[in-house]
């Protein structure tokens, strides 16, 4: 696991990446997405509350079982490949 840096340091790294000619991927992990991933990692079924939040707050469509499984797979794979990741309200 990579460390979570202070905002100023992270912002500086993003600025440097934007100013370079090298490709990079920046991602954001918000509280809803973190809760969604954590439920899956804990083996809990996605309940109505997280289905609403992931759709309404995070913009994930569709929020049926297959849509959520697809999002989980793509999102977690993408996070693992990100060069820089912003973390919002991480309780974990």
PDB file of N, CA and C in Angstrom:
ATOM      1  N   UNK A   1       0.838  -1.169   0.000  1.00  0.00           N
ATOM      2  CA  UNK A   1       0.000   0.000   0.000  1.00  0.00           C
ATOM      3  C   UNK A   1       0.893   1.246   0.000  1.00  0.00           C
ATOM      4  N   UNK A   2       0.519   2.194  -0.828  1.00  0.00           N
ATOM      5  CA  UNK A   2       1.268   3.439  -0.886  1.00  0.00           C
ATOM      6  C   UNK A   2       0.772   4.396   0.186  1.00  0.00           C
ATOM      7  N   UNK A   3       1.645   5.281   0.663  1.00  0.00           N
ATOM      8  CA  UNK A   3       1.216   6.203   1.727  1.00  0.00           C
ATOM      9  C   UNK A   3       0.253   7.264   1.202  1.00  0.00           C
ATOM     10  N   UNK A   4      -0.601   7.768   2.101  1.00  0.00           N
ATOM     11  CA  UNK A   4      -1.467   8.900   1.786  1.00  0.00           C
ATOM     12  C   UNK A   4      -0.706  10.157   2.205  1.00  0.00           C
ATOM     13  N   UNK A   5      -0.429  11.004   1.237  1.00  0.00           N
ATOM     14  CA  UNK A   5       0.355  12.208   1.478  1.00  0.00           C
ATOM     15  C   UNK A   5      -0.544  13.372   1.861  1.00  0.00           C
ATOM     16  N   UNK A   6       0.053  14.387   2.470  1.00  0.00           N
ATOM     17  CA  UNK A   6      -0.688  15.611   2.763  1.00  0.00           C
ATOM     18  C   UNK A   6      -1.109  16.257   1.446  1.00  0.00           C
ATOM     19  N   UNK A   7      -2.196  17.013   1.494  1.00  0.00           N
ATOM     20  CA  UNK A   7      -2.777  17.606   0.284  1.00  0.00           C
ATOM     21  C   UNK A   7      -1.775  18.456  -0.489  1.00  0.00           C
ATOM     22  N   UNK A   8      -0.992  19.277   0.184  1.00  0.00           N
ATOM     23  CA  UNK A   8      -0.041  20.146  -0.519  1.00  0.00           C
ATOM     24  C   UNK A   8       0.998  19.337  -1.285  1.00  0.00           C
ATOM     25  N   UNK A   9       1.455  18.267  -0.696  1.00  0.00           N
ATOM     26  CA  UNK A   9       2.440  17.414  -1.372  1.00  0.00           C
ATOM     27  C   UNK A   9       1.797  16.736  -2.577  1.00  0.00           C
ATOM     28  N   UNK A  10       0.592  16.207  -2.394  1.00  0.00           N
ATOM     29  CA  UNK A  10      -0.115  15.569  -3.498  1.00  0.00           C
ATOM     30  C   UNK A  10      -0.403  16.537  -4.629  1.00  0.00           C
ATOM     31  N   UNK A  11      -0.824  17.751  -4.272  1.00  0.00           N
ATOM     32  CA  UNK A  11      -1.092  18.761  -5.302  1.00  0.00           C
ATOM     33  C   UNK A  11       0.177  19.107  -6.072  1.00  0.00           C
ATOM     34  N   UNK A  12       1.298  19.168  -5.381  1.00  0.00           N
ATOM     35  CA  UNK A  12       2.576  19.454  -6.045  1.00  0.00           C
ATOM     36  C   UNK A  12       2.927  18.333  -7.023  1.00  0.00           C
ATOM     37  N   UNK A  13       2.708  17.094  -6.621  1.00  0.00           N
ATOM     38  CA  UNK A  13       2.994  15.958  -7.504  1.00  0.00           C
ATOM     39  C   UNK A  13       2.096  15.982  -8.739  1.00  0.00           C
ATOM     40  N   UNK A  14       0.831  16.333  -8.554  1.00  0.00           N
ATOM     41  CA  UNK A  14      -0.075  16.427  -9.702  1.00  0.00           C
ATOM     42  C   UNK A  14       0.364  17.546 -10.632  1.00  0.00           C
ATOM     43  N   UNK A  15       0.743  18.688 -10.072  1.00  0.00           N
ATOM     44  CA  UNK A  15       1.218  19.806 -10.897  1.00  0.00           C
ATOM     45  C   UNK A  15       2.456  19.404 -11.693  1.00  0.00           C
ATOM     46  N   UNK A  16       3.392  18.738 -11.045  1.00  0.00           N
ATOM     47  CA  UNK A  16       4.606  18.296 -11.732  1.00  0.00           C
ATOM     48  C   UNK A  16       4.278  17.307 -12.845  1.00  0.00           C
ATOM     49  N   UNK A  17       3.326  16.419 -12.584  1.00  0.00           N
ATOM     50  CA  UNK A  17       2.937  15.451 -13.615  1.00  0.00           C
ATOM     51  C   UNK A  17       2.283  16.150 -14.803  1.00  0.00           C
ATOM     52  N   UNK A  18       1.453  17.151 -14.517  1.00  0.00           N
ATOM     53  CA  UNK A  18       0.807  17.901 -15.599  1.00  0.00           C
ATOM     54  C   UNK A  18       1.815  18.690 -16.432  1.00  0.00           C
ATOM     55  N   UNK A  19       2.864  19.170 -15.798  1.00  0.00           N
ATOM     56  CA  UNK A  19       3.865  19.978 -16.494  1.00  0.00           C
ATOM     57  C   UNK A  19       4.873  19.135 -17.256  1.00  0.00           C
ATOM     58  N   UNK A  20       4.928  17.861 -16.962  1.00  0.00           N
ATOM     59  CA  UNK A  20       5.876  16.995 -17.665  1.00  0.00           C
ATOM     60  C   UNK A  20       5.269  16.540 -18.991  1.00  0.00           C
ATOM     61  N   UNK A  21       6.089  15.981 -19.831  1.00  0.00           N
ATOM     62  CA  UNK A  21       5.621  15.437 -21.101  1.00  0.00           C
ATOM     63  C   UNK A  21       5.253  13.958 -20.992  1.00  0.00           C
ATOM     64  N   UNK A  22       5.381  13.410 -19.795  1.00  0.00           N
ATOM     65  CA  UNK A  22       5.119  11.987 -19.604  1.00  0.00           C
ATOM     66  C   UNK A  22       3.634  11.729 -19.335  1.00  0.00           C
ATOM     67  N   UNK A  23       3.103  10.633 -19.863  1.00  0.00           N
ATOM     68  CA  UNK A  23       1.717  10.291 -19.551  1.00  0.00           C
ATOM     69  C   UNK A  23       1.605   9.831 -18.094  1.00  0.00           C
ATOM     70  N   UNK A  24       0.464  10.094 -17.500  1.00  0.00           N
ATOM     71  CA  UNK A  24       0.214   9.626 -16.143  1.00  0.00           C
ATOM     72  C   UNK A  24      -1.284   9.478 -15.947  1.00  0.00           C
ATOM     73  N   UNK A  25      -1.633   8.733 -14.919  1.00  0.00           N
ATOM     74  CA  UNK A  25      -3.046   8.563 -14.589  1.00  0.00           C
ATOM     75  C   UNK A  25      -3.261   9.037 -13.170  1.00  0.00           C
ATOM     76  N   UNK A  26      -4.183   9.969 -13.002  1.00  0.00           N
ATOM     77  CA  UNK A  26      -4.595  10.429 -11.674  1.00  0.00           C
ATOM     78  C   UNK A  26      -6.004   9.910 -11.420  1.00  0.00           C
ATOM     79  N   UNK A  27      -6.258   9.465 -10.206  1.00  0.00           N
ATOM     80  CA  UNK A  27      -7.569   8.935  -9.836  1.00  0.00           C
ATOM     81  C   UNK A  27      -8.003   9.573  -8.528  1.00  0.00           C
ATOM     82  N   UNK A  28      -9.300   9.445  -8.240  1.00  0.00           N
ATOM     83  CA  UNK A  28      -9.841   9.954  -6.982  1.00  0.00           C
ATOM     84  C   UNK A  28     -10.663   8.854  -6.335  1.00  0.00           C
ATOM     85  N   UNK A  29     -10.426   8.651  -5.060  1.00  0.00           N
ATOM     86  CA  UNK A  29     -11.204   7.690  -4.283  1.00  0.00           C
ATOM     87  C   UNK A  29     -11.973   8.484  -3.244  1.00  0.00           C
ATOM     88  N   UNK A  30     -13.275   8.607  -3.456  1.00  0.00           N
ATOM     89  CA  UNK A  30     -14.136   9.322  -2.521  1.00  0.00           C
ATOM     90  C   UNK A  30     -14.677   8.396  -1.457  1.00  0.00           C
ATOM     91  N   UNK A  31     -15.372   8.975  -0.490  1.00  0.00           N
ATOM     92  CA  UNK A  31     -15.920   8.191   0.609  1.00  0.00           C
ATOM     93  C   UNK A  31     -16.906   7.133   0.122  1.00  0.00           C
ATOM     94  N   UNK A  32     -17.783   7.492  -0.806  1.00  0.00           N
ATOM     95  CA  UNK A  32     -18.768   6.526  -1.307  1.00  0.00           C
ATOM     96  C   UNK A  32     -18.064   5.358  -1.982  1.00  0.00           C
ATOM     97  N   UNK A  33     -17.072   5.661  -2.827  1.00  0.00           N
ATOM     98  CA  UNK A  33     -16.339   4.605  -3.503  1.00  0.00           C
ATOM     99  C   UNK A  33     -15.572   3.737  -2.506  1.00  0.00           C
ATOM    100  N   UNK A  34     -14.984   4.362  -1.485  1.00  0.00           N
ATOM    101  CA  UNK A  34     -14.255   3.604  -0.459  1.00  0.00           C
ATOM    102  C   UNK A  34     -15.206   2.697   0.318  1.00  0.00           C
ATOM    103  N   UNK A  35     -16.370   3.215   0.696  1.00  0.00           N
ATOM    104  CA  UNK A  35     -17.364   2.384   1.392  1.00  0.00           C
ATOM    105  C   UNK A  35     -17.816   1.222   0.512  1.00  0.00           C
ATOM    106  N   UNK A  36     -18.031   1.503  -0.769  1.00  0.00           N
ATOM    107  CA  UNK A  36     -18.452   0.488  -1.735  1.00  0.00           C
ATOM    108  C   UNK A  36     -17.412  -0.633  -1.826  1.00  0.00           C
ATOM    109  N   UNK A  37     -16.152  -0.258  -1.984  1.00  0.00           N
ATOM    110  CA  UNK A  37     -15.075  -1.252  -2.085  1.00  0.00           C
ATOM    111  C   UNK A  37     -14.936  -2.021  -0.780  1.00  0.00           C
ATOM    112  N   UNK A  38     -15.007  -1.318   0.337  1.00  0.00           N
ATOM    113  CA  UNK A  38     -14.856  -1.966   1.635  1.00  0.00           C
ATOM    114  C   UNK A  38     -15.949  -3.004   1.867  1.00  0.00           C
ATOM    115  N   UNK A  39     -17.184  -2.683   1.478  1.00  0.00           N
ATOM    116  CA  UNK A  39     -18.267  -3.666   1.644  1.00  0.00           C
ATOM    117  C   UNK A  39     -17.935  -4.952   0.894  1.00  0.00           C
ATOM    118  N   UNK A  40     -17.437  -4.813  -0.316  1.00  0.00           N
ATOM    119  CA  UNK A  40     -17.098  -5.983  -1.146  1.00  0.00           C
ATOM    120  C   UNK A  40     -15.957  -6.777  -0.515  1.00  0.00           C
ATOM    121  N   UNK A  41     -14.932  -6.052  -0.025  1.00  0.00           N
ATOM    122  CA  UNK A  41     -13.785  -6.725   0.588  1.00  0.00           C
ATOM    123  C   UNK A  41     -14.168  -7.449   1.879  1.00  0.00           C
ATOM    124  N   UNK A  42     -15.175  -6.933   2.569  1.00  0.00           N
ATOM    125  CA  UNK A  42     -15.652  -7.549   3.809  1.00  0.00           C
ATOM    126  C   UNK A  42     -16.654  -8.670   3.549  1.00  0.00           C
ATOM    127  N   UNK A  43     -16.971  -8.904   2.266  1.00  0.00           N
ATOM    128  CA  UNK A  43     -17.914  -9.962   1.913  1.00  0.00           C
ATOM    129  C   UNK A  43     -19.366  -9.609   2.184  1.00  0.00           C
ATOM    130  N   UNK A  44     -19.640  -8.324   2.370  1.00  0.00           N
ATOM    131  CA  UNK A  44     -21.015  -7.887   2.629  1.00  0.00           C
ATOM    132  C   UNK A  44     -21.740  -7.635   1.308  1.00  0.00           C
ATOM    133  N   UNK A  45     -23.015  -7.963   1.267  1.00  0.00           N
ATOM    134  CA  UNK A  45     -23.784  -7.644   0.051  1.00  0.00           C
ATOM    135  C   UNK A  45     -24.011  -6.138  -0.036  1.00  0.00           C
ATOM    136  N   UNK A  46     -24.126  -5.639  -1.243  1.00  0.00           N
ATOM    137  CA  UNK A  46     -24.425  -4.227  -1.421  1.00  0.00           C
ATOM    138  C   UNK A  46     -25.875  -3.987  -1.058  1.00  0.00           C
ATOM    139  N   UNK A  47     -26.094  -3.123  -0.067  1.00  0.00           N
ATOM    140  CA  UNK A  47     -27.449  -2.843   0.391  1.00  0.00           C
ATOM    141  C   UNK A  47     -28.041  -1.666  -0.379  1.00  0.00           C
ATOM    142  N   UNK A  48     -29.306  -1.354  -0.087  1.00  0.00           N
ATOM    143  CA  UNK A  48     -29.994  -0.279  -0.801  1.00  0.00           C
ATOM    144  C   UNK A  48     -29.310   1.073  -0.602  1.00  0.00           C
ATOM    145  N   UNK A  49     -28.752   1.295   0.582  1.00  0.00           N
ATOM    146  CA  UNK A  49     -28.093   2.582   0.853  1.00  0.00           C
ATOM    147  C   UNK A  49     -26.876   2.777  -0.040  1.00  0.00           C
ATOM    148  N   UNK A  50     -26.004   1.780  -0.130  1.00  0.00           N
ATOM    149  CA  UNK A  50     -24.804   1.938  -0.960  1.00  0.00           C
ATOM    150  C   UNK A  50     -25.181   1.963  -2.440  1.00  0.00           C
ATOM    151  N   UNK A  51     -26.211   1.228  -2.822  1.00  0.00           N
ATOM    152  CA  UNK A  51     -26.683   1.271  -4.215  1.00  0.00           C
ATOM    153  C   UNK A  51     -27.131   2.691  -4.586  1.00  0.00           C
ATOM    154  N   UNK A  52     -27.862   3.333  -3.667  1.00  0.00           N
ATOM    155  CA  UNK A  52     -28.297   4.700  -3.914  1.00  0.00           C
ATOM    156  C   UNK A  52     -27.099   5.646  -3.963  1.00  0.00           C
ATOM    157  N   UNK A  53     -26.205   5.532  -2.982  1.00  0.00           N
ATOM    158  CA  UNK A  53     -25.065   6.440  -2.903  1.00  0.00           C
ATOM    159  C   UNK A  53     -24.131   6.294  -4.106  1.00  0.00           C
ATOM    160  N   UNK A  54     -23.857   5.078  -4.510  1.00  0.00           N
ATOM    161  CA  UNK A  54     -22.920   4.871  -5.622  1.00  0.00           C
ATOM    162  C   UNK A  54     -23.528   5.388  -6.924  1.00  0.00           C
ATOM    163  N   UNK A  55     -24.843   5.333  -7.034  1.00  0.00           N
ATOM    164  CA  UNK A  55     -25.508   5.845  -8.230  1.00  0.00           C
ATOM    165  C   UNK A  55     -25.716   7.354  -8.147  1.00  0.00           C
ATOM    166  N   UNK A  56     -26.306   7.819  -7.059  1.00  0.00           N
ATOM    167  CA  UNK A  56     -26.662   9.226  -6.921  1.00  0.00           C
ATOM    168  C   UNK A  56     -25.445  10.118  -6.659  1.00  0.00           C
ATOM    169  N   UNK A  57     -24.560   9.702  -5.769  1.00  0.00           N
ATOM    170  CA  UNK A  57     -23.431  10.544  -5.352  1.00  0.00           C
ATOM    171  C   UNK A  57     -22.180  10.342  -6.202  1.00  0.00           C
ATOM    172  N   UNK A  58     -21.962   9.114  -6.668  1.00  0.00           N
ATOM    173  CA  UNK A  58     -20.738   8.825  -7.419  1.00  0.00           C
ATOM    174  C   UNK A  58     -20.991   8.685  -8.921  1.00  0.00           C
ATOM    175  N   UNK A  59     -22.251   8.649  -9.336  1.00  0.00           N
ATOM    176  CA  UNK A  59     -22.568   8.615 -10.760  1.00  0.00           C
ATOM    177  C   UNK A  59     -22.347   7.282 -11.439  1.00  0.00           C
ATOM    178  N   UNK A  60     -22.484   6.189 -10.710  1.00  0.00           N
ATOM    179  CA  UNK A  60     -22.295   4.860 -11.284  1.00  0.00           C
ATOM    180  C   UNK A  60     -23.648   4.315 -11.742  1.00  0.00           C
ATOM    181  N   UNK A  61     -23.717   3.939 -13.007  1.00  0.00           N
ATOM    182  CA  UNK A  61     -24.944   3.381 -13.581  1.00  0.00           C
ATOM    183  C   UNK A  61     -24.557   2.142 -14.365  1.00  0.00           C
ATOM    184  N   UNK A  62     -25.189   1.065 -14.253  1.00  0.00           N
ATOM    185  CA  UNK A  62     -26.386   0.846 -13.470  1.00  0.00           C
ATOM    186  C   UNK A  62     -25.998   0.290 -12.112  1.00  0.00           C
ATOM    187  N   UNK A  63     -26.915   0.401 -11.157  1.00  0.00           N
ATOM    188  CA  UNK A  63     -26.587  -0.071  -9.816  1.00  0.00           C
ATOM    189  C   UNK A  63     -27.227  -1.416  -9.491  1.00  0.00           C
ATOM    190  N   UNK A  64     -27.530  -2.200 -10.527  1.00  0.00           N
ATOM    191  CA  UNK A  64     -27.957  -3.578 -10.280  1.00  0.00           C
ATOM    192  C   UNK A  64     -26.718  -4.428  -9.995  1.00  0.00           C
ATOM    193  N   UNK A  65     -26.915  -5.683  -9.633  1.00  0.00           N
ATOM    194  CA  UNK A  65     -25.783  -6.532  -9.233  1.00  0.00           C
ATOM    195  C   UNK A  65     -24.690  -6.601 -10.293  1.00  0.00           C
ATOM    196  N   UNK A  66     -25.070  -6.827 -11.539  1.00  0.00           N
ATOM    197  CA  UNK A  66     -24.068  -6.946 -12.603  1.00  0.00           C
ATOM    198  C   UNK A  66     -23.335  -5.624 -12.823  1.00  0.00           C
ATOM    199  N   UNK A  67     -24.072  -4.522 -12.818  1.00  0.00           N
ATOM    200  CA  UNK A  67     -23.449  -3.214 -12.987  1.00  0.00           C
ATOM    201  C   UNK A  67     -22.458  -2.903 -11.874  1.00  0.00           C
ATOM    202  N   UNK A  68     -22.819  -3.249 -10.649  1.00  0.00           N
ATOM    203  CA  UNK A  68     -21.920  -3.005  -9.519  1.00  0.00           C
ATOM    204  C   UNK A  68     -20.690  -3.908  -9.582  1.00  0.00           C
ATOM    205  N   UNK A  69     -20.878  -5.164  -9.965  1.00  0.00           N
ATOM    206  CA  UNK A  69     -19.728  -6.065 -10.123  1.00  0.00           C
ATOM    207  C   UNK A  69     -18.789  -5.554 -11.205  1.00  0.00           C
ATOM    208  N   UNK A  70     -19.348  -5.108 -12.316  1.00  0.00           N
ATOM    209  CA  UNK A  70     -18.523  -4.567 -13.402  1.00  0.00           C
ATOM    210  C   UNK A  70     -17.759  -3.330 -12.951  1.00  0.00           C
ATOM    211  N   UNK A  71     -18.456  -2.419 -12.267  1.00  0.00           N
ATOM    212  CA  UNK A  71     -17.803  -1.209 -11.775  1.00  0.00           C
ATOM    213  C   UNK A  71     -16.693  -1.556 -10.788  1.00  0.00           C
ATOM    214  N   UNK A  72     -16.979  -2.462  -9.857  1.00  0.00           N
ATOM    215  CA  UNK A  72     -15.975  -2.867  -8.860  1.00  0.00           C
ATOM    216  C   UNK A  72     -14.707  -3.377  -9.546  1.00  0.00           C
ATOM    217  N   UNK A  73     -14.875  -4.255 -10.513  1.00  0.00           N
ATOM    218  CA  UNK A  73     -13.726  -4.847 -11.208  1.00  0.00           C
ATOM    219  C   UNK A  73     -12.913  -3.785 -11.948  1.00  0.00           C
ATOM    220  N   UNK A  74     -13.587  -2.951 -12.723  1.00  0.00           N
ATOM    221  CA  UNK A  74     -12.887  -1.937 -13.511  1.00  0.00           C
ATOM    222  C   UNK A  74     -12.262  -0.882 -12.602  1.00  0.00           C
ATOM    223  N   UNK A  75     -13.011  -0.431 -11.601  1.00  0.00           N
ATOM    224  CA  UNK A  75     -12.525   0.639 -10.724  1.00  0.00           C
ATOM    225  C   UNK A  75     -11.318   0.192  -9.904  1.00  0.00           C
ATOM    226  N   UNK A  76     -11.397  -0.997  -9.296  1.00  0.00           N
ATOM    227  CA  UNK A  76     -10.272  -1.444  -8.473  1.00  0.00           C
ATOM    228  C   UNK A  76      -9.033  -1.735  -9.324  1.00  0.00           C
ATOM    229  N   UNK A  77      -9.218  -2.265 -10.518  1.00  0.00           N
ATOM    230  CA  UNK A  77      -8.085  -2.481 -11.420  1.00  0.00           C
ATOM    231  C   UNK A  77      -7.454  -1.146 -11.805  1.00  0.00           C
ATOM    232  N   UNK A  78      -8.297  -0.160 -12.084  1.00  0.00           N
ATOM    233  CA  UNK A  78      -7.795   1.161 -12.462  1.00  0.00           C
ATOM    234  C   UNK A  78      -7.064   1.830 -11.307  1.00  0.00           C
ATOM    235  N   UNK A  79      -7.598   1.715 -10.106  1.00  0.00           N
ATOM    236  CA  UNK A  79      -6.928   2.316  -8.948  1.00  0.00           C
ATOM    237  C   UNK A  79      -5.537   1.727  -8.752  1.00  0.00           C
ATOM    238  N   UNK A  80      -5.437   0.441  -8.966  1.00  0.00           N
ATOM    239  CA  UNK A  80      -4.144  -0.230  -8.797  1.00  0.00           C
ATOM    240  C   UNK A  80      -3.116   0.270  -9.809  1.00  0.00           C
ATOM    241  N   UNK A  81      -3.580   0.747 -10.940  1.00  0.00           N
ATOM    242  CA  UNK A  81      -2.682   1.206 -11.998  1.00  0.00           C
ATOM    243  C   UNK A  81      -2.417   2.710 -11.962  1.00  0.00           C
ATOM    244  N   UNK A  82      -3.096   3.433 -11.086  1.00  0.00           N
ATOM    245  CA  UNK A  82      -2.967   4.893 -11.041  1.00  0.00           C
ATOM    246  C   UNK A  82      -1.575   5.314 -10.574  1.00  0.00           C
ATOM    247  N   UNK A  83      -1.052   6.347 -11.211  1.00  0.00           N
ATOM    248  CA  UNK A  83       0.219   6.924 -10.777  1.00  0.00           C
ATOM    249  C   UNK A  83       0.024   7.812  -9.556  1.00  0.00           C
ATOM    250  N   UNK A  84      -1.077   8.537  -9.539  1.00  0.00           N
ATOM    251  CA  UNK A  84      -1.420   9.428  -8.439  1.00  0.00           C
ATOM    252  C   UNK A  84      -2.882   9.206  -8.092  1.00  0.00           C
ATOM    253  N   UNK A  85      -3.191   9.227  -6.786  1.00  0.00           N
ATOM    254  CA  UNK A  85      -4.570   9.034  -6.394  1.00  0.00           C
ATOM    255  C   UNK A  85      -4.906   9.983  -5.253  1.00  0.00           C
ATOM    256  N   UNK A  86      -5.975  10.729  -5.436  1.00  0.00           N
ATOM    257  CA  UNK A  86      -6.500  11.573  -4.375  1.00  0.00           C
ATOM    258  C   UNK A  86      -7.484  10.747  -3.551  1.00  0.00           C
ATOM    259  N   UNK A  87      -7.447  10.912  -2.243  1.00  0.00           N
ATOM    260  CA  UNK A  87      -8.312  10.163  -1.347  1.00  0.00           C
ATOM    261  C   UNK A  87      -9.144  11.163  -0.549  1.00  0.00           C
ATOM    262  N   UNK A  88     -10.451  10.986  -0.599  1.00  0.00           N
ATOM    263  CA  UNK A  88     -11.374  11.893   0.046  1.00  0.00           C
ATOM    264  C   UNK A  88     -12.089  11.179   1.195  1.00  0.00           C
ATOM    265  N   UNK A  89     -11.946  11.700   2.417  1.00  0.00           N
ATOM    266  CA  UNK A  89     -12.634  11.156   3.591  1.00  0.00           C
ATOM    267  C   UNK A  89     -12.426   9.664   3.769  1.00  0.00           C
ATOM    268  N   UNK A  90     -11.171   9.247   3.801  1.00  0.00           N
ATOM    269  CA  UNK A  90     -10.842   7.834   3.925  1.00  0.00           C
ATOM    270  C   UNK A  90     -10.921   7.393   5.386  1.00  0.00           C
ATOM    271  N   UNK A  91     -11.870   6.531   5.692  1.00  0.00           N
ATOM    272  CA  UNK A  91     -12.037   5.990   7.060  1.00  0.00           C
ATOM    273  C   UNK A  91     -11.267   4.677   7.247  1.00  0.00           C
ATOM    274  N   UNK A  92     -10.603   4.194   6.207  1.00  0.00           N
ATOM    275  CA  UNK A  92     -10.025   2.855   6.278  1.00  0.00           C
ATOM    276  C   UNK A  92      -8.538   2.878   6.362  1.00  0.00           C
TER     277      UNK A  92
END
